[in-house]
Protein backbone atom coordinates (compact mmCIF):
# COMPACT_ATOMS: atom_id res chain seq x y z
CA UNK A 1 0.00 0.00 0.00
CA UNK A 2 1.24 3.45 -0.88
CA UNK A 3 -0.03 6.55 0.91
CA UNK A 4 -2.95 8.04 -1.07
CA UNK A 5 -4.44 11.50 -0.85
CA UNK A 6 -7.55 11.51 1.34
CA UNK A 7 -10.80 12.47 -0.41
CA UNK A 8 -13.79 14.17 1.26
CA UNK A 9 -16.60 11.83 2.36
CA UNK A 10 -19.96 12.12 4.12
CA UNK A 11 -20.30 10.57 7.60
CA UNK A 12 -19.41 6.88 7.54
CA UNK A 13 -19.91 3.92 9.86
CA UNK A 14 -16.77 1.83 9.81
CA UNK A 15 -14.96 -0.98 11.63
CA UNK A 16 -11.55 -0.12 13.00
CA UNK A 17 -9.17 -2.94 13.89
CA UNK A 18 -6.54 -1.99 16.45
CA UNK A 19 -3.61 -4.42 16.40
CA UNK A 20 -0.57 -4.23 18.69
CA UNK A 21 2.68 -4.30 16.70
CA UNK A 22 4.81 -7.33 17.70
CA UNK A 23 2.73 -7.55 20.85
CA UNK A 24 4.77 -9.77 23.17
CA UNK A 25 8.05 -8.09 22.24
CA UNK A 26 6.41 -4.68 22.78
CA UNK A 27 5.21 -5.79 26.22
CA UNK A 28 8.75 -6.78 27.17
CA UNK A 29 9.95 -3.28 26.28
CA UNK A 30 7.39 -1.48 28.45
CA UNK A 31 9.24 -2.12 31.71
CA UNK A 32 12.64 -2.54 30.05
CA UNK A 33 13.13 0.41 27.67
CA UNK A 34 16.71 -0.65 27.08
CA UNK A 35 15.27 -3.29 24.74
CA UNK A 36 13.89 -0.63 22.37
CA UNK A 37 15.68 -0.87 19.04
CA UNK A 38 17.22 -4.25 19.89
CA UNK A 39 16.13 -7.57 18.36
CA UNK A 40 13.86 -9.31 20.88
CA UNK A 41 12.30 -12.78 20.75
CA UNK A 42 9.82 -14.34 23.16
CA UNK A 43 9.97 -18.07 23.76
CA UNK A 44 7.26 -20.64 24.32
CA UNK A 45 6.73 -22.57 27.54
CA UNK A 46 9.93 -24.20 28.82
CA UNK A 47 11.90 -21.72 26.67
CA UNK A 48 11.38 -24.03 23.72
CA UNK A 49 10.60 -22.19 20.48
CA UNK A 50 10.31 -18.63 19.23
CA UNK A 51 6.66 -17.51 19.39
CA UNK A 52 7.09 -13.74 18.96
CA UNK A 53 9.66 -11.45 17.34
CA UNK A 54 10.34 -7.75 17.23
CA UNK A 55 10.78 -6.12 13.83
CA UNK A 56 14.53 -6.10 14.42
CA UNK A 57 14.52 -9.86 15.03
CA UNK A 58 12.43 -10.42 11.90
CA UNK A 59 14.93 -8.38 9.90
CA UNK A 60 17.69 -10.71 11.08
CA UNK A 61 15.76 -13.65 9.67
CA UNK A 62 14.57 -15.26 12.93
CA UNK A 63 11.65 -17.51 11.97
CA UNK A 64 8.57 -18.28 14.03
CA UNK A 65 8.72 -21.68 15.68
CA UNK A 66 12.51 -21.90 15.60
CA UNK A 67 13.82 -24.02 18.52
CA UNK A 68 15.80 -21.73 20.79
CA UNK A 69 18.62 -24.20 21.42
CA UNK A 70 19.42 -24.18 17.71
CA UNK A 71 19.95 -20.43 17.46
CA UNK A 72 21.03 -19.47 21.00
CA UNK A 73 24.72 -19.14 20.10
CA UNK A 74 23.97 -17.34 16.85
CA UNK A 75 21.53 -15.04 18.65
CA UNK A 76 24.14 -14.09 21.22
CA UNK A 77 26.57 -13.08 18.46
CA UNK A 78 23.92 -10.91 16.80
CA UNK A 79 22.68 -9.26 19.99
CA UNK A 80 19.29 -10.98 20.02
CA UNK A 81 17.63 -10.76 23.46
CA UNK A 82 15.44 -13.71 24.45
CA UNK A 83 12.67 -13.54 27.03
CA UNK A 84 10.60 -16.35 28.51
CA UNK A 85 6.86 -16.03 27.94
CA UNK A 86 5.31 -13.77 30.58
CA UNK A 87 1.56 -14.12 30.05
CA UNK A 88 0.65 -12.34 33.27
CA UNK A 89 2.38 -9.21 31.98
CA UNK A 90 0.93 -9.56 28.49
CA UNK A 91 -2.58 -10.09 29.82
CA UNK A 92 -2.30 -7.11 32.15
CA UNK A 93 -1.16 -4.77 29.37
CA UNK A 94 -3.80 -6.13 27.01
CA UNK A 95 -6.48 -5.35 29.58
CA UNK A 96 -5.22 -1.78 29.88
CA UNK A 97 -5.25 -1.34 26.11
CA UNK A 98 -8.85 -2.55 25.89
CA UNK A 99 -9.86 -0.14 28.66
CA UNK A 100 -8.41 2.74 26.65
CA UNK A 101 -10.16 1.61 23.46
CA UNK A 102 -13.46 1.51 25.33
CA UNK A 103 -13.21 5.27 25.80
CA UNK A 104 -13.41 5.83 22.04
CA UNK A 105 -16.45 3.75 21.18
CA UNK A 106 -19.56 2.18 22.67
CA UNK A 107 -18.96 -0.85 20.42
CA UNK A 108 -15.78 -2.75 21.30
CA UNK A 109 -15.22 -6.37 20.35
CA UNK A 110 -12.08 -7.98 21.72
CA UNK A 111 -10.70 -10.44 19.19
CA UNK A 112 -7.49 -11.64 20.80
CA UNK A 113 -4.91 -10.60 23.35
CA UNK A 114 -3.52 -8.01 20.90
CA UNK A 115 -6.49 -7.15 18.64
CA UNK A 116 -9.88 -5.51 18.99
CA UNK A 117 -12.56 -4.19 16.65
CA UNK A 118 -14.20 -0.80 17.23
CA UNK A 119 -17.25 0.58 15.45
CA UNK A 120 -16.69 4.26 14.64
CA UNK A 121 -18.81 6.89 12.91
CA UNK A 122 -17.71 10.14 11.28
CA UNK A 123 -16.29 11.66 8.14
CA UNK A 124 -13.14 10.15 6.73
CA UNK A 125 -10.90 12.87 8.25
CA UNK A 126 -12.63 12.36 11.61
CA UNK A 127 -12.12 8.59 11.47
CA UNK A 128 -8.45 8.98 10.58
CA UNK A 129 -8.05 11.54 13.37
CA UNK A 130 -9.62 9.20 15.92
CA UNK A 131 -7.34 6.37 14.82
CA UNK A 132 -4.26 8.57 15.17
CA UNK A 133 -5.37 9.73 18.63
CA UNK A 134 -5.83 6.11 19.68
CA UNK A 135 -2.30 5.27 18.52
CA UNK A 136 -0.83 8.28 20.30
CA UNK A 137 -2.77 7.62 23.50
CA UNK A 138 -1.75 3.95 23.79
CA UNK A 139 1.86 4.77 22.97
CA UNK A 140 1.94 7.61 25.50
CA UNK A 141 0.11 5.85 28.34
CA UNK A 142 1.49 2.33 27.94
CA UNK A 143 4.44 2.56 25.59
CA UNK A 144 2.78 0.09 23.20
CA UNK A 145 2.80 0.71 19.42
CA UNK A 146 -0.39 -0.19 17.55
CA UNK A 147 -1.61 -0.11 13.96
CA UNK A 148 -5.18 0.72 12.94
CA UNK A 149 -7.08 -0.44 9.86
CA UNK A 150 -10.43 1.14 8.95
CA UNK A 151 -12.93 -0.37 6.51
CA UNK A 152 -16.62 -1.17 5.94
CA UNK A 153 -16.11 -4.81 7.03
CA UNK A 154 -13.94 -6.68 9.51
CA UNK A 155 -12.17 -8.63 6.77
CA UNK A 156 -11.21 -5.45 4.91
CA UNK A 157 -10.19 -3.82 8.21
CA UNK A 158 -7.82 -6.74 8.77
CA UNK A 159 -6.37 -6.15 5.32
CA UNK A 160 -6.06 -2.42 5.97
CA UNK A 161 -4.21 -3.08 9.23
CA UNK A 162 -1.70 -5.19 7.32
CA UNK A 163 -1.04 -2.19 5.09
CA UNK A 164 -0.76 0.13 8.08
CA UNK A 165 1.88 -2.13 9.63
CA UNK A 166 4.05 -2.52 6.56
CA UNK A 167 3.82 0.90 4.90
CA UNK A 168 5.72 3.52 6.91
CA UNK A 169 4.25 6.39 4.86
CA UNK A 170 0.80 5.61 6.30
CA UNK A 171 1.92 6.40 9.84
CA UNK A 172 0.31 3.29 11.31
CA UNK A 173 -3.23 4.12 10.09
CA UNK A 174 -4.87 2.90 6.87
CA UNK A 175 -8.43 3.21 5.59
CA UNK A 176 -9.87 1.56 2.49
CA UNK A 177 -11.95 4.72 1.98
CA UNK A 178 -8.78 6.57 1.04
CA UNK A 179 -8.51 4.50 -2.14
CA UNK A 180 -10.40 4.60 -5.41
CA UNK A 181 -12.18 1.41 -6.57
CA UNK A 182 -9.34 0.83 -9.02
CA UNK A 183 -6.71 1.16 -6.31
CA UNK A 184 -8.59 -1.15 -3.96
CA UNK A 185 -8.98 -3.67 -6.76
CA UNK A 186 -5.20 -3.57 -7.31
CA UNK A 187 -4.60 -4.15 -3.59
CA UNK A 188 -6.89 -7.19 -3.59
CA UNK A 189 -5.17 -8.50 -6.74
CA UNK A 190 -1.78 -8.47 -4.98
CA UNK A 191 -3.05 -10.07 -1.76
CA UNK A 192 -2.47 -13.86 -1.75
CA UNK A 193 -5.54 -15.88 -0.83
CA UNK A 194 -3.68 -17.37 2.13
CA UNK A 195 -3.16 -13.94 3.70
CA UNK A 196 -6.87 -13.39 4.24
CA UNK A 197 -8.42 -13.53 7.67
CA UNK A 198 -9.69 -17.03 8.43
CA UNK A 199 -8.01 -18.79 5.50
CA UNK A 200 -5.80 -21.51 6.96
CA UNK A 201 -3.34 -23.71 5.12
CA UNK A 202 -5.75 -26.51 4.31
CA UNK A 203 -8.41 -24.14 3.04
CA UNK A 204 -5.80 -22.23 1.04
CA UNK A 205 -4.84 -25.41 -0.84
CA UNK A 206 -8.47 -26.15 -1.65
CA UNK A 207 -9.10 -22.62 -2.89
CA UNK A 208 -5.99 -22.60 -5.04
CA UNK A 209 -7.02 -25.91 -6.56
CA UNK A 210 -10.10 -24.05 -7.82
CA UNK A 211 -7.89 -21.30 -9.29
CA UNK A 212 -8.69 -18.83 -6.53
CA UNK A 213 -5.22 -17.36 -6.00
CA UNK A 214 -5.84 -13.83 -4.69
CA UNK A 215 -8.29 -11.85 -2.60
CA UNK A 216 -9.60 -10.33 -5.83
CA UNK A 217 -10.36 -13.78 -7.25
CA UNK A 218 -12.38 -14.61 -4.14
CA UNK A 219 -14.24 -11.30 -4.16
CA UNK A 220 -15.37 -11.89 -7.77
CA UNK A 221 -16.50 -15.49 -7.19
CA UNK A 222 -20.16 -16.45 -6.86
CA UNK A 223 -20.99 -16.63 -3.11
CA UNK A 224 -23.58 -19.39 -3.66
CA UNK A 225 -21.04 -21.64 -5.37
CA UNK A 226 -18.45 -20.82 -2.73
CA UNK A 227 -20.87 -21.83 0.00
CA UNK A 228 -21.69 -25.16 -1.65
CA UNK A 229 -18.02 -26.02 -2.27
CA UNK A 230 -16.21 -24.52 0.73
CA UNK A 231 -18.84 -23.65 3.33
CA UNK A 232 -20.53 -20.56 4.68
CA UNK A 233 -17.36 -18.99 6.05
CA UNK A 234 -15.72 -18.64 2.64
CA UNK A 235 -18.90 -17.22 1.12
CA UNK A 236 -19.04 -14.62 3.87
CA UNK A 237 -15.40 -13.69 3.33
CA UNK A 238 -16.11 -13.10 -0.36
CA UNK A 239 -19.01 -10.79 0.52
CA UNK A 240 -16.90 -8.95 3.09
CA UNK A 241 -14.27 -8.29 0.43
CA UNK A 242 -17.05 -6.58 -1.55
CA UNK A 243 -17.85 -4.37 1.45
CA UNK A 244 -20.82 -6.32 2.82
CA UNK A 245 -20.50 -6.86 6.63
CA UNK A 246 -21.45 -10.43 7.50
CA UNK A 247 -18.65 -11.98 9.58
CA UNK A 248 -18.95 -12.16 13.35
CA UNK A 249 -15.87 -12.62 15.52
CA UNK A 250 -17.09 -15.82 17.12
CA UNK A 251 -17.30 -17.56 13.74
CA UNK A 252 -13.68 -17.03 12.86
CA UNK A 253 -10.58 -18.79 14.18
CA UNK A 254 -7.25 -17.03 14.19
CA UNK A 255 -5.65 -19.91 12.34
CA UNK A 256 -2.88 -17.86 10.80
CA UNK A 257 -1.87 -16.12 14.01
CA UNK A 258 -1.21 -19.22 16.07
CA UNK A 259 -4.42 -18.96 18.08
CA UNK A 260 -7.73 -20.77 18.30
CA UNK A 261 -10.69 -18.84 19.67
CA UNK A 262 -14.32 -19.38 20.64
CA UNK A 263 -16.46 -16.40 21.62
CA UNK A 264 -20.16 -15.58 21.55
CA UNK A 265 -22.67 -13.01 22.71
CA UNK A 266 -25.26 -14.28 25.20
CA UNK A 267 -28.98 -14.38 24.50
CA UNK A 268 -29.55 -13.47 28.17
CA UNK A 269 -27.07 -11.38 30.22
CA UNK A 270 -24.98 -13.23 32.78
CA UNK A 271 -24.85 -11.69 36.25
CA UNK A 272 -23.50 -14.37 38.59
CA UNK A 273 -20.30 -16.38 38.92
CA UNK A 274 -22.22 -19.66 38.65
CA UNK A 275 -23.74 -18.57 35.34
CA UNK A 276 -20.35 -17.47 34.02
CA UNK A 277 -18.93 -20.81 35.14
CA UNK A 278 -21.53 -22.52 32.94
CA UNK A 279 -20.71 -20.27 29.98
CA UNK A 280 -16.99 -20.84 30.22
CA UNK A 281 -17.56 -24.59 30.60
CA UNK A 282 -19.29 -24.67 27.23
CA UNK A 283 -16.71 -22.38 25.62
CA UNK A 284 -13.78 -24.41 26.96
CA UNK A 285 -15.27 -27.55 25.47
CA UNK A 286 -15.84 -25.88 22.09
CA UNK A 287 -12.47 -24.19 21.79
CA UNK A 288 -10.57 -27.34 22.72
CA UNK A 289 -12.64 -29.27 20.19
CA UNK A 290 -11.39 -26.85 17.54
CA UNK A 291 -7.89 -27.27 18.88
CA UNK A 292 -8.04 -31.04 18.60
CA UNK A 293 -9.56 -30.82 15.14
CA UNK A 294 -6.40 -29.15 13.86
CA UNK A 295 -4.15 -31.53 15.80
CA UNK A 296 -2.70 -28.96 18.20
CA UNK A 297 -2.13 -28.40 21.90
CA UNK A 298 -2.01 -25.01 23.63
CA UNK A 299 0.46 -23.52 26.06
CA UNK A 300 -1.50 -20.39 27.01
CA UNK A 301 -5.09 -19.41 27.76
CA UNK A 302 -6.52 -15.93 27.21
CA UNK A 303 -10.08 -15.20 28.29
CA UNK A 304 -12.38 -12.18 28.32
CA UNK A 305 -15.88 -11.13 29.36
CA UNK A 306 -17.64 -7.82 28.87
CA UNK A 307 -20.88 -5.97 29.45
CA UNK A 308 -22.92 -4.38 26.68
CA UNK A 309 -21.38 -1.46 24.82
CA UNK A 310 -24.83 0.18 24.87
CA UNK A 311 -24.82 0.47 28.68
CA UNK A 312 -22.24 2.81 30.14
CA UNK A 313 -19.84 2.38 31.76
CA UNK A 314 -18.72 -0.74 29.93
CA UNK A 315 -16.92 -3.28 32.14
CA UNK A 316 -14.50 -5.63 30.45
CA UNK A 317 -12.29 -8.39 31.85
CA UNK A 318 -9.38 -9.78 29.84
CA UNK A 319 -6.28 -11.63 30.96
CA UNK A 320 -3.94 -14.48 30.03
CA UNK A 321 -2.02 -17.26 31.73
CA UNK A 322 0.41 -20.00 30.70
CA UNK A 323 -0.46 -23.68 31.08
CA UNK A 324 2.08 -26.44 31.51
CA UNK A 325 2.36 -28.90 29.92
CA UNK A 326 0.62 -27.95 26.67
CA UNK A 327 -2.86 -29.37 26.56
CA UNK A 328 -6.09 -29.84 24.65
CA UNK A 329 -7.94 -30.81 27.83
CA UNK A 330 -11.15 -28.78 28.34
CA UNK A 331 -10.95 -29.17 32.13
CA UNK A 332 -7.48 -27.59 32.25
CA UNK A 333 -8.57 -24.78 29.94
CA UNK A 334 -11.73 -24.20 31.97
CA UNK A 335 -9.83 -23.94 35.23
CA UNK A 336 -7.48 -21.40 33.71
CA UNK A 337 -10.34 -19.34 32.28
CA UNK A 338 -12.27 -19.40 35.54
CA UNK A 339 -9.23 -18.13 37.41
CA UNK A 340 -8.90 -15.24 34.97
CA UNK A 341 -12.55 -14.18 34.87
CA UNK A 342 -14.48 -15.02 38.02
CA UNK A 343 -12.39 -13.10 40.59
CA UNK A 344 -12.80 -9.90 38.56
CA UNK A 345 -16.53 -10.02 37.97
CA UNK A 346 -18.45 -7.14 39.54
CA UNK A 347 -21.74 -8.02 41.25
CA UNK A 348 -24.87 -6.80 39.46
CA UNK A 349 -22.99 -6.18 36.20
CA UNK A 350 -24.73 -7.70 33.18
CA UNK A 351 -22.17 -9.49 31.04
CA UNK A 352 -23.29 -10.11 27.48
CA UNK A 353 -20.28 -11.74 25.81
CA UNK A 354 -17.22 -13.77 26.61
CA UNK A 355 -14.55 -15.79 24.89
CA UNK A 356 -11.56 -18.07 25.30
CA UNK A 357 -8.49 -17.98 23.07
CA UNK A 358 -5.73 -20.59 23.10
CA UNK A 359 -2.19 -19.67 22.06
CA UNK A 360 1.39 -20.92 22.06
CA UNK A 361 0.22 -23.81 19.87
CA UNK A 362 2.27 -26.86 18.96
CA UNK A 363 1.45 -30.15 17.24
CA UNK A 364 -0.26 -32.60 19.56
CA UNK A 365 2.09 -35.12 21.12
CA UNK A 366 5.23 -33.02 20.80
CA UNK A 367 5.44 -32.60 24.56
CA UNK A 368 4.59 -35.74 26.56
CA UNK A 369 1.98 -35.51 29.31
CA UNK A 370 3.40 -36.17 32.76
CA UNK A 371 1.02 -38.97 33.69
CA UNK A 372 2.41 -39.44 37.24
CA UNK A 373 1.07 -35.99 38.09
CA UNK A 374 -2.32 -36.36 36.42
CA UNK A 375 -5.23 -35.22 38.58
CA UNK A 376 -7.17 -37.96 40.35
CA UNK A 377 -10.88 -37.05 40.16
CA UNK A 378 -11.38 -38.61 43.61
CA UNK A 379 -9.24 -35.89 45.12
CA UNK A 380 -11.51 -32.99 44.15
CA UNK A 381 -11.64 -31.72 47.75
CA UNK A 382 -7.91 -31.86 48.36
CA UNK A 383 -7.13 -28.64 46.53
CA UNK A 384 -9.60 -26.63 48.59
CA UNK A 385 -8.17 -28.07 51.80
CA UNK A 386 -4.60 -27.18 50.78
CA UNK A 387 -5.68 -23.64 49.88
CA UNK A 388 -7.40 -23.23 53.27
CA UNK A 389 -4.37 -24.42 55.24
CA UNK A 390 -1.94 -22.26 53.23
CA UNK A 391 -4.23 -19.23 53.61
CA UNK A 392 -4.20 -19.63 57.40
CA UNK A 393 -0.40 -20.07 57.41
CA UNK A 394 0.10 -17.06 55.14
CA UNK A 395 2.48 -18.98 52.87
CA UNK A 396 2.71 -22.36 51.13
CA UNK A 397 3.36 -24.94 53.85
CA UNK A 398 1.72 -28.03 52.37
CA UNK A 399 1.14 -29.22 48.84
CA UNK A 400 0.83 -32.19 46.55
CA UNK A 401 4.22 -33.87 46.17
CA UNK A 402 6.73 -31.23 45.12
CA UNK A 403 4.20 -28.39 45.20
CA UNK A 404 5.22 -27.10 48.65
CA UNK A 405 8.99 -27.28 48.15
CA UNK A 406 10.77 -23.90 48.23
CA UNK A 407 12.77 -24.77 45.10
CA UNK A 408 10.88 -25.95 41.99
CA UNK A 409 11.70 -29.43 40.69
CA UNK A 410 13.42 -29.95 37.35
CA UNK A 411 10.21 -30.89 35.56
CA UNK A 412 8.48 -27.64 36.45
CA UNK A 413 8.06 -25.23 33.54
CA UNK A 414 11.28 -23.36 32.77
CA UNK A 415 11.06 -19.60 32.39
CA UNK A 416 14.67 -18.76 33.14
CA UNK A 417 14.59 -15.58 31.05
CA UNK A 418 11.23 -14.24 32.23
CA UNK A 419 11.03 -10.51 32.75
CA UNK A 420 9.48 -8.99 35.87
CA UNK A 421 5.69 -8.87 36.18
CA UNK A 422 5.69 -5.26 37.24
CA UNK A 423 2.00 -4.64 36.58
CA UNK A 424 0.63 -7.53 38.66
CA UNK A 425 3.16 -8.35 41.41
CA UNK A 426 4.22 -5.85 44.08
CA UNK A 427 7.53 -7.57 44.69
CA UNK A 428 8.45 -7.29 41.01
CA UNK A 429 7.86 -3.56 40.54
CA UNK A 430 10.47 -1.82 38.43
CA UNK A 431 13.10 -0.01 40.53
CA UNK A 432 14.08 3.51 39.48
CA UNK A 433 17.27 5.01 40.88
CA UNK A 434 18.06 8.73 40.67
CA UNK A 435 21.52 9.60 39.45
């Protein structure tokens, strides 16, 4: 995308996708500004593989999924800084970003830990101005760089965000309304079919076999034939590329971003923890079913819940946590999601949507399950008893096996290069010394 000259427009209603640039690497830089400008990579659970890269690391050729042990020596020679995954920090910063975005719209849909859709209304200059203010606000308040794509549909907004990220002349903001029909057609013609939102590798092969190579090819195809051959999702994507909004977030997996997500709006608002427990139980089962369908296991859980954007003030909960070992077990995912959501629910608030996203994916079976430590369903009351005793003692004094030892055992998840969790743990606050 090249920077076009903006043309006057009447008031528009548009989707804006706000996407954090190199999210995990950006989070690491918030409390450690010395990392700015340096190549940074974030590693998966147990410091195994590269799951996130700064632009500087990408420029050096560091590939996603690269085992760290293979490049550790090379990385040291090239000044690459590695950090263990720190999902508590990432979730905390994500939550703060979403709170800021909620100040700019009554319609906010969280898509993942680093992405959210906003519905904005105004003239084209007003929309671009709002997007630039959002970027400046998040960068000023949190030190996090974001890109914003604006378009009539979510799919086109995704495409616009890609242009905003990779075209410096756009200043981090791109709108499809800035382009003539001919220019937009040229953009679609140069966008590979596999780069579209929701088109995974398997689907890409099937589409290419039918001579659908680019986004333009898909946009020109007959939606009815697409639906009969590839399903409703592909037909909706084709319509969205034509500017017809018809894709909801809950119907779309983030297959190309290493995440699997399940989210829905409720038919009846949820007001109690027991009701939310039921919701998350269903969602955990559905999202892990999707995970198993693609033959993956997850190493992190991100969950959110929010009240209606039509009732002010909007209350939104969003946070993330690592799970070890990687899993496709709905019970493990549910427990993680419950721990993220339930303690932060506010009584009498009417929550109307929620979701669970699984990240840090790897092929199923890559990491063996530690069967000796599997949970015995007969011991369901033991955990509560341990918590009660430790709460009275004020510190961990008893636990299951190794759980109460002061030093973690060798099999416990390695995060030897984890940065401090300065937004969630008092004892890890950043120390500032005056000269």
